[in-house]
Amino acid sequence: MARSDQIAALDIGTTKVCCFVAERDGIDRVRVVGIGHHVSEGLKAGTIVDMQAAEQSVLAAVHAAEQMAGTTIRDVIVNVSSGEPLSQFVDIDTDLSAQAVGERELGRLFNDQKLSGLASTRHLVHAIPIGYEIDGSNGIRDPRGLYGHNLGVRVHAVTAAPSALQNVVNCVERCHLGLADFAVNPYAAGVASVVEDELDLGVTVIDMGGGTTSIGIFFEGALVHVDSLSIGGGHITSDIARGLSTPMQHAERLKTLHGTCLSSPTDEMEIISVPRVGEEDDSQAPTIPKSFLVSIIGPRVEETLELVRDRLAASGLDRKAGRRVVLTGGASQLPGVREFAGQILDKQTRMGRPIKVAGLAEATCGPAFSVCAGLLSLAVDNRGEAWPPPSLEVAKTNGAFGKLGGWLRANF
């Protein structure tokens, strides 16, 4: 039976689907009471390419979480890992007539056509205020209660291609779930893994998944930029499979057991058995030195991080991102990735893990589960996000449908 104080998060990734069920543990903290994860089928580079296979993967993860929590999930907050998310800044202002700023004034501010117009061609995923000003005085984080004649705000708008999101909606609804809300991967991963000082001083979150690598820049407590690359840990597995002529499942096993980006003097002496494609007798499998495996993995990781470096430079916000990098996602756990990231990005780099939710098991408190944990945190605290304004919210008969539901009903 579903409980009104429960929250459910669903991370639909290229290599795994994860579902967390949680209960509120204080005003803005949650405690996980149900966990389910399953191998992902039907996705490529974060995009659903086989609806039936994706549906079965989601159902398996949700069912496991429900069984553990002893409840039935009705609504979920879901990640956005596809749709080519784009960032842009929008400046909006409104007249205050010498009155104090209240909810009505904020609603009028964010009901501006500059924001609603973005949703006419792409889906507006996030509208995050990154700084208010009143009568030219800036640096205001919360203007409520302040007097003035003119209220302005700079908004970080994150948009995505609607077709990819429509497929996510269809998949969730086929699983008899309601879509309560959604968030892009680097936002959720950052909220889960980054401490407040890093958020204020500037930090780059790099979420390295199976099919995508996403980037989020945080500064002065807000997300100020997102980007995404269609490259991830699955490409490393494919490189190994092709380079060694071994089946994908064996390539994944080799990556997990022996994979590293860093070479060692002992690599030539460490011998690895490599089953060949189409050969059933593994006892006769040829062998290779570990150094050969490292020579396949290293260049792909290096290429990925160099692309990240180029995207950060192109954003024009790399200096705001400061000297800190936090790595999340399953692919970031490959030995040597942290060291490579520090060298290539020339920043202080650490591994990120969920630190703001309680009740996670040891197996689910690592970097690979940061997005799912961050979704839970955003469900109880949206960090001042302004979309949709009150006049644009749409109710759904069986519960809160959130911003995506309203937009889809208006546009499809």
Protein backbone atom coordinates (compact mmCIF):
# COMPACT_ATOMS: atom_id res chain seq x y z
CA MET A 1 0.00 0.00 0.00
CA ALA A 2 1.34 3.44 -0.93
CA ARG A 3 2.05 6.00 1.80
CA SER A 4 1.76 9.75 1.31
CA ASP A 5 5.08 10.48 3.05
CA GLN A 6 7.06 8.19 0.75
CA ILE A 7 9.19 9.34 -2.17
CA ALA A 8 10.42 7.20 -5.05
CA ALA A 9 13.28 7.91 -7.47
CA LEU A 10 13.98 6.14 -10.74
CA ASP A 11 17.34 6.32 -12.51
CA ILE A 12 16.96 4.87 -16.02
CA GLY A 13 20.48 4.44 -17.33
CA THR A 14 22.16 2.78 -20.28
CA THR A 15 23.59 -0.12 -18.26
CA LYS A 16 21.36 -0.25 -15.17
CA VAL A 17 17.98 0.85 -13.87
CA CYS A 18 17.86 1.83 -10.19
CA CYS A 19 14.88 2.58 -7.98
CA PHE A 20 14.99 3.99 -4.43
CA VAL A 21 11.99 4.30 -2.11
CA ALA A 22 12.46 6.68 0.82
CA GLU A 23 10.65 8.30 3.71
CA ARG A 24 11.15 11.82 4.99
CA ASP A 25 13.72 11.96 7.79
CA GLY A 26 13.39 15.56 8.96
CA ILE A 27 12.56 18.66 6.95
CA ASP A 28 14.87 18.16 3.98
CA ARG A 29 16.44 14.73 4.52
CA VAL A 30 15.23 11.29 3.53
CA ARG A 31 15.89 7.72 4.61
CA VAL A 32 15.92 4.95 1.98
CA VAL A 33 13.65 2.02 2.85
CA GLY A 34 13.56 0.21 -0.48
CA ILE A 35 16.23 -0.46 -3.11
CA GLY A 36 15.94 -2.15 -6.48
CA HIS A 37 18.28 -2.29 -9.45
CA HIS A 38 18.37 -4.32 -12.62
CA VAL A 39 20.45 -4.63 -15.77
CA SER A 40 19.19 -2.09 -18.28
CA GLU A 41 17.87 -3.32 -21.60
CA GLY A 42 16.55 -1.31 -24.53
CA LEU A 43 18.66 1.84 -24.07
CA LYS A 44 21.54 3.25 -26.05
CA ALA A 45 23.49 6.35 -25.00
CA GLY A 46 20.79 7.11 -22.45
CA THR A 47 18.00 7.00 -25.04
CA ILE A 48 15.24 4.39 -25.14
CA VAL A 49 15.51 2.38 -28.38
CA ASP A 50 13.38 -0.65 -27.41
CA MET A 51 10.30 0.32 -25.39
CA GLN A 52 9.30 -3.18 -24.34
CA ALA A 53 12.79 -4.13 -23.15
CA ALA A 54 13.15 -0.83 -21.25
CA GLU A 55 9.74 -1.35 -19.66
CA GLN A 56 10.71 -4.80 -18.37
CA SER A 57 13.95 -3.44 -16.87
CA VAL A 58 12.08 -0.64 -15.09
CA LEU A 59 9.41 -3.02 -13.80
CA ALA A 60 12.06 -5.37 -12.38
CA ALA A 61 13.85 -2.57 -10.50
CA VAL A 62 10.60 -1.04 -9.22
CA HIS A 63 9.25 -4.41 -8.08
CA ALA A 64 12.43 -5.16 -6.11
CA ALA A 65 12.25 -1.75 -4.38
CA GLU A 66 8.56 -2.24 -3.59
CA GLN A 67 9.19 -5.68 -2.13
CA MET A 68 11.93 -4.36 0.14
CA ALA A 69 9.91 -1.33 1.26
CA GLY A 70 6.66 -3.24 1.64
CA THR A 71 4.75 -0.62 -0.35
CA THR A 72 3.36 0.19 -3.77
CA ILE A 73 4.97 3.01 -5.69
CA ARG A 74 2.58 5.47 -7.33
CA ASP A 75 4.75 8.37 -8.53
CA VAL A 76 8.45 8.65 -9.27
CA ILE A 77 10.97 11.41 -9.89
CA VAL A 78 13.01 10.37 -12.95
CA ASN A 79 16.42 11.31 -14.35
CA VAL A 80 17.01 12.87 -17.76
CA SER A 81 20.05 11.34 -19.45
CA SER A 82 19.06 11.91 -23.09
CA GLY A 83 17.63 14.68 -25.23
CA GLU A 84 20.89 16.63 -25.60
CA PRO A 85 20.37 19.01 -22.65
CA LEU A 86 21.40 22.60 -23.36
CA SER A 87 22.08 25.54 -21.05
CA GLN A 88 21.28 29.20 -21.59
CA PHE A 89 20.84 32.29 -19.44
CA VAL A 90 17.62 34.29 -19.50
CA ASP A 91 17.31 37.74 -17.88
CA ILE A 92 13.83 38.72 -16.67
CA ASP A 93 12.51 41.72 -14.75
CA THR A 94 9.18 43.00 -13.45
CA ASP A 95 7.82 46.16 -11.85
CA LEU A 96 7.28 46.09 -8.07
CA SER A 97 5.54 49.47 -7.65
CA ALA A 98 7.48 50.07 -4.43
CA GLN A 99 6.02 46.93 -2.82
CA ALA A 100 7.72 44.08 -0.99
CA VAL A 101 8.54 40.97 -2.96
CA GLY A 102 6.12 38.12 -2.25
CA GLU A 103 4.97 34.91 -3.91
CA ARG A 104 2.69 36.84 -6.27
CA GLU A 105 5.56 39.00 -7.53
CA LEU A 106 7.80 35.96 -8.01
CA GLY A 107 5.01 34.17 -9.87
CA ARG A 108 4.61 37.16 -12.20
CA LEU A 109 8.37 37.27 -12.74
CA PHE A 110 8.65 33.63 -13.78
CA ASN A 111 5.49 33.74 -15.87
CA ASP A 112 7.42 35.84 -18.35
CA GLN A 113 7.18 34.93 -22.03
CA LYS A 114 10.96 34.59 -22.21
CA LEU A 115 10.67 31.38 -20.19
CA SER A 116 7.42 30.01 -21.56
CA GLY A 117 8.69 30.69 -25.08
CA LEU A 118 11.62 28.31 -24.56
CA ALA A 119 9.17 25.46 -24.03
CA SER A 120 7.62 25.95 -27.47
CA THR A 121 10.41 24.13 -29.34
CA ARG A 122 12.35 22.24 -26.65
CA HIS A 123 11.26 21.03 -23.27
CA LEU A 124 12.20 23.31 -20.38
CA VAL A 125 13.66 20.89 -17.85
CA HIS A 126 14.97 23.35 -15.26
CA ALA A 127 14.66 27.09 -14.62
CA ILE A 128 17.14 27.84 -11.84
CA PRO A 129 17.51 31.38 -10.45
CA ILE A 130 21.21 32.16 -10.11
CA GLY A 131 20.91 35.73 -8.86
CA TYR A 132 18.26 38.36 -8.15
CA GLU A 133 18.61 42.13 -8.18
CA ILE A 134 16.36 44.93 -6.89
CA ASP A 135 16.77 48.43 -8.31
CA GLY A 136 20.24 47.52 -9.61
CA SER A 137 21.50 45.99 -6.36
CA ASN A 138 22.57 42.43 -7.18
CA GLY A 139 23.87 39.42 -5.27
CA ILE A 140 20.45 38.67 -3.77
CA ARG A 141 19.66 34.96 -3.33
CA ASP A 142 16.15 35.30 -1.87
CA PRO A 143 14.31 38.58 -2.57
CA ARG A 144 11.17 37.81 -0.57
CA GLY A 145 10.31 40.55 1.89
CA LEU A 146 12.57 43.14 0.23
CA TYR A 147 11.17 46.45 -1.10
CA GLY A 148 11.96 48.15 -4.38
CA HIS A 149 10.68 49.41 -7.71
CA ASN A 150 12.11 46.78 -10.08
CA LEU A 151 12.87 43.09 -9.51
CA GLY A 152 15.19 41.24 -11.88
CA VAL A 153 16.57 37.72 -12.05
CA ARG A 154 19.03 35.78 -14.17
CA VAL A 155 17.73 32.27 -14.81
CA HIS A 156 19.72 29.24 -15.90
CA ALA A 157 17.36 27.48 -18.31
CA VAL A 158 18.06 23.84 -19.17
CA THR A 159 16.20 22.51 -22.19
CA ALA A 160 16.07 19.09 -23.87
CA ALA A 161 14.67 17.54 -27.04
CA PRO A 162 11.01 16.63 -26.39
CA SER A 163 10.97 13.34 -28.32
CA ALA A 164 13.48 11.64 -26.01
CA LEU A 165 11.56 12.79 -22.93
CA GLN A 166 8.26 11.64 -24.41
CA ASN A 167 9.72 8.13 -24.66
CA VAL A 168 10.66 8.26 -20.97
CA VAL A 169 7.12 9.36 -20.10
CA ASN A 170 5.64 6.53 -22.16
CA CYS A 171 7.93 3.97 -20.52
CA VAL A 172 7.06 5.16 -17.01
CA GLU A 173 3.33 5.20 -17.74
CA ARG A 174 3.47 1.69 -19.28
CA CYS A 175 4.80 0.60 -15.87
CA HIS A 176 1.64 2.11 -14.28
CA LEU A 177 3.61 4.87 -12.57
CA GLY A 178 3.01 8.60 -12.40
CA LEU A 179 5.78 11.05 -13.22
CA ALA A 180 6.13 13.42 -10.26
CA ASP A 181 9.17 15.32 -11.51
CA PHE A 182 12.51 14.90 -13.26
CA ALA A 183 16.09 16.21 -13.23
CA VAL A 184 19.13 16.04 -15.48
CA ASN A 185 21.87 13.66 -14.38
CA PRO A 186 24.64 16.09 -13.35
CA TYR A 187 22.20 18.16 -11.26
CA ALA A 188 21.03 15.12 -9.30
CA ALA A 189 24.54 13.70 -8.98
CA GLY A 190 25.88 17.02 -7.71
CA VAL A 191 23.10 17.53 -5.17
CA ALA A 192 23.82 14.04 -3.80
CA SER A 193 27.61 14.18 -3.70
CA VAL A 194 28.84 17.75 -3.37
CA VAL A 195 29.25 19.57 -0.03
CA GLU A 196 27.87 23.09 0.41
CA ASP A 197 31.29 24.78 0.42
CA GLU A 198 32.05 23.25 -2.98
CA LEU A 199 28.69 24.41 -4.32
CA ASP A 200 29.43 27.97 -3.19
CA LEU A 201 33.09 28.20 -4.24
CA GLY A 202 32.64 26.44 -7.57
CA VAL A 203 32.86 22.80 -8.59
CA THR A 204 32.48 20.66 -11.70
CA VAL A 205 30.53 17.41 -11.43
CA ILE A 206 31.31 14.78 -14.05
CA ASP A 207 28.85 11.90 -14.07
CA MET A 208 30.40 9.04 -16.06
CA GLY A 209 27.69 6.54 -16.91
CA GLY A 210 27.51 3.53 -19.17
CA GLY A 211 26.38 5.39 -22.29
CA THR A 212 26.81 9.08 -21.51
CA THR A 213 29.16 11.40 -19.66
CA SER A 214 27.38 14.48 -18.33
CA ILE A 215 28.85 17.68 -16.93
CA GLY A 216 27.45 20.10 -14.37
CA ILE A 217 29.05 23.33 -13.13
CA PHE A 218 27.93 24.70 -9.76
CA PHE A 219 28.77 28.21 -8.51
CA GLU A 220 27.47 30.28 -5.60
CA GLY A 221 25.12 27.46 -4.62
CA ALA A 222 23.41 27.05 -8.00
CA LEU A 223 23.76 24.91 -11.10
CA VAL A 224 25.01 27.30 -13.81
CA HIS A 225 25.83 24.98 -16.72
CA VAL A 226 25.14 21.47 -18.03
CA ASP A 227 26.48 19.51 -20.98
CA SER A 228 26.52 15.91 -22.13
CA LEU A 229 28.66 13.58 -24.24
CA SER A 230 27.38 10.39 -25.87
CA ILE A 231 30.31 8.39 -24.58
CA GLY A 232 30.66 6.29 -21.44
CA GLY A 233 31.85 3.09 -19.83
CA GLY A 234 30.07 0.97 -22.41
CA HIS A 235 32.41 2.31 -25.08
CA ILE A 236 35.38 1.03 -23.08
CA THR A 237 33.75 -2.40 -22.99
CA SER A 238 33.19 -2.28 -26.77
CA ASP A 239 36.82 -1.27 -27.33
CA ILE A 240 37.97 -4.28 -25.31
CA ALA A 241 35.62 -6.64 -27.14
CA ARG A 242 36.85 -5.44 -30.55
CA GLY A 243 40.50 -5.18 -29.63
CA LEU A 244 40.65 -8.67 -28.12
CA SER A 245 37.99 -10.36 -30.30
CA THR A 246 36.12 -11.46 -27.19
CA PRO A 247 32.37 -11.50 -26.44
CA MET A 248 30.90 -8.38 -24.80
CA GLN A 249 30.14 -10.21 -21.54
CA HIS A 250 33.77 -11.31 -21.26
CA ALA A 251 34.96 -7.82 -22.16
CA GLU A 252 32.88 -6.39 -19.32
CA ARG A 253 34.30 -9.01 -16.96
CA LEU A 254 37.87 -8.20 -18.02
CA LYS A 255 37.21 -4.50 -17.46
CA THR A 256 35.75 -5.14 -14.01
CA LEU A 257 38.40 -7.58 -12.80
CA HIS A 258 41.56 -6.29 -14.47
CA GLY A 259 40.74 -2.91 -15.98
CA THR A 260 42.77 0.20 -15.16
CA CYS A 261 43.98 3.35 -16.89
CA LEU A 262 47.34 3.33 -15.14
CA SER A 263 50.23 1.23 -16.33
CA SER A 264 52.42 -0.66 -13.88
CA PRO A 265 55.86 -2.33 -14.19
CA THR A 266 54.20 -5.66 -13.39
CA ASP A 267 51.64 -5.42 -16.23
CA GLU A 268 53.88 -7.37 -18.64
CA MET A 269 54.15 -10.25 -16.18
CA GLU A 270 50.45 -10.45 -15.29
CA ILE A 271 48.82 -12.82 -17.78
CA ILE A 272 45.08 -12.73 -18.55
CA SER A 273 43.00 -15.40 -20.28
CA VAL A 274 40.81 -14.03 -23.09
CA PRO A 275 38.02 -16.22 -24.53
CA ARG A 276 37.55 -15.63 -28.26
CA VAL A 277 34.28 -14.88 -30.02
CA GLY A 278 32.58 -18.06 -31.25
CA GLU A 279 34.84 -20.44 -29.33
CA GLU A 280 33.07 -22.54 -26.70
CA ASP A 281 36.10 -24.16 -25.03
CA ASP A 282 37.40 -21.50 -22.61
CA SER A 283 40.08 -23.89 -21.34
CA GLN A 284 41.99 -23.33 -24.60
CA ALA A 285 41.55 -19.56 -24.55
CA PRO A 286 44.64 -17.56 -25.55
CA THR A 287 46.34 -15.25 -23.08
CA ILE A 288 47.60 -11.68 -23.16
CA PRO A 289 49.69 -9.55 -20.79
CA LYS A 290 47.68 -7.06 -18.74
CA SER A 291 49.63 -4.26 -20.42
CA PHE A 292 47.71 -4.93 -23.64
CA LEU A 293 44.38 -4.44 -21.85
CA VAL A 294 45.64 -1.21 -20.30
CA SER A 295 46.70 0.03 -23.75
CA ILE A 296 43.07 -0.34 -24.91
CA ILE A 297 41.41 1.28 -21.89
CA GLY A 298 43.74 4.23 -21.38
CA PRO A 299 43.21 6.01 -24.73
CA ARG A 300 39.40 5.85 -24.45
CA VAL A 301 39.40 7.34 -20.94
CA GLU A 302 41.88 9.98 -22.04
CA GLU A 303 39.71 10.87 -25.05
CA THR A 304 36.60 11.18 -22.87
CA LEU A 305 38.26 13.49 -20.37
CA GLU A 306 39.83 15.60 -23.12
CA LEU A 307 36.35 16.08 -24.61
CA VAL A 308 35.11 17.12 -21.17
CA ARG A 309 37.99 19.60 -20.90
CA ASP A 310 37.11 21.06 -24.31
CA ARG A 311 33.42 21.40 -23.39
CA LEU A 312 34.33 23.17 -20.14
CA ALA A 313 36.53 25.61 -22.04
CA ALA A 314 33.78 26.23 -24.61
CA SER A 315 31.25 26.99 -21.86
CA GLY A 316 33.17 30.07 -20.81
CA LEU A 317 32.45 29.14 -17.18
CA ASP A 318 35.48 27.00 -16.43
CA ARG A 319 36.96 29.69 -14.15
CA LYS A 320 33.72 29.88 -12.14
CA ALA A 321 33.93 26.12 -11.71
CA GLY A 322 37.01 26.66 -9.61
CA ARG A 323 39.65 24.05 -8.92
CA ARG A 324 37.42 21.21 -7.78
CA VAL A 325 36.07 18.22 -9.73
CA VAL A 326 33.78 15.55 -8.30
CA LEU A 327 33.45 12.29 -10.24
CA THR A 328 30.29 10.19 -10.06
CA GLY A 329 28.78 7.34 -12.10
CA GLY A 330 29.79 3.73 -12.51
CA ALA A 331 32.49 4.37 -15.11
CA SER A 332 34.30 6.75 -12.75
CA GLN A 333 35.13 3.79 -10.49
CA LEU A 334 37.58 2.33 -13.01
CA PRO A 335 41.04 2.46 -11.37
CA GLY A 336 43.05 5.39 -12.64
CA VAL A 337 40.14 7.56 -13.83
CA ARG A 338 40.52 9.95 -10.91
CA GLU A 339 44.26 10.36 -11.59
CA PHE A 340 43.67 10.87 -15.33
CA ALA A 341 40.98 13.48 -14.61
CA GLY A 342 43.28 15.41 -12.30
CA GLN A 343 46.04 15.51 -14.90
CA ILE A 344 43.94 16.28 -17.98
CA LEU A 345 41.58 18.80 -16.35
CA ASP A 346 44.33 20.29 -14.14
CA LYS A 347 41.99 20.34 -11.14
CA GLN A 348 41.74 18.79 -7.69
CA THR A 349 39.66 15.68 -8.21
CA ARG A 350 37.78 13.45 -5.80
CA MET A 351 35.26 10.64 -6.02
CA GLY A 352 31.67 11.50 -5.18
CA ARG A 353 29.17 9.31 -3.37
CA PRO A 354 25.69 9.93 -1.92
CA ILE A 355 26.16 11.78 1.37
CA LYS A 356 22.76 13.40 1.91
CA VAL A 357 20.43 10.42 2.23
CA ALA A 358 20.33 7.84 5.00
CA GLY A 359 19.65 4.12 4.88
CA LEU A 360 21.69 3.16 1.81
CA ALA A 361 23.26 -0.30 1.83
CA GLU A 362 27.02 -0.61 1.40
CA ALA A 363 26.57 -1.87 -2.15
CA THR A 364 24.45 1.16 -3.13
CA CYS A 365 26.31 4.04 -1.49
CA GLY A 366 28.99 4.43 -4.16
CA PRO A 367 29.40 6.81 -7.13
CA ALA A 368 27.18 4.66 -9.39
CA PHE A 369 24.10 5.49 -7.27
CA SER A 370 24.65 9.24 -6.89
CA VAL A 371 22.01 10.21 -9.48
CA CYS A 372 19.26 8.12 -7.88
CA ALA A 373 20.09 9.46 -4.42
CA GLY A 374 20.17 13.02 -5.74
CA LEU A 375 16.71 12.62 -7.24
CA LEU A 376 15.40 11.89 -3.75
CA SER A 377 17.09 15.00 -2.36
CA LEU A 378 15.60 17.17 -5.11
CA ALA A 379 12.17 15.70 -4.41
CA VAL A 380 12.20 17.22 -0.91
CA ASP A 381 14.18 20.39 -1.73
CA ASN A 382 14.18 21.82 -5.25
CA ARG A 383 16.82 24.40 -4.24
CA GLY A 384 14.69 27.38 -5.24
CA GLU A 385 13.91 26.21 -8.76
CA ALA A 386 11.30 28.41 -10.40
CA TRP A 387 9.66 26.27 -13.11
CA PRO A 388 6.76 26.07 -13.55
CA PRO A 389 5.23 29.24 -12.14
CA PRO A 390 1.95 28.71 -10.25
CA SER A 391 -0.20 29.68 -13.25
CA LEU A 392 1.42 26.99 -15.43
CA GLU A 393 1.16 24.04 -13.05
CA VAL A 394 -1.18 21.27 -14.13
CA ALA A 395 -2.81 18.83 -11.72
CA LYS A 396 -3.30 15.19 -12.51
CA THR A 397 -6.25 13.29 -11.13
CA ASN A 398 -4.12 10.64 -9.40
CA GLY A 399 -1.53 12.98 -7.93
CA ALA A 400 0.96 15.70 -8.73
CA PHE A 401 2.11 15.32 -12.31
CA GLY A 402 4.72 18.06 -12.17
CA LYS A 403 6.21 20.20 -14.88
CA LEU A 404 6.71 17.54 -17.54
CA GLY A 405 3.11 16.39 -17.40
CA GLY A 406 1.76 19.90 -17.89
CA TRP A 407 4.07 20.61 -20.77
CA LEU A 408 3.37 17.31 -22.52
CA ARG A 409 -0.39 17.70 -22.17
CA ALA A 410 -0.13 21.14 -23.75
CA ASN A 411 2.14 20.07 -26.60
CA PHE A 412 1.24 16.47 -27.54
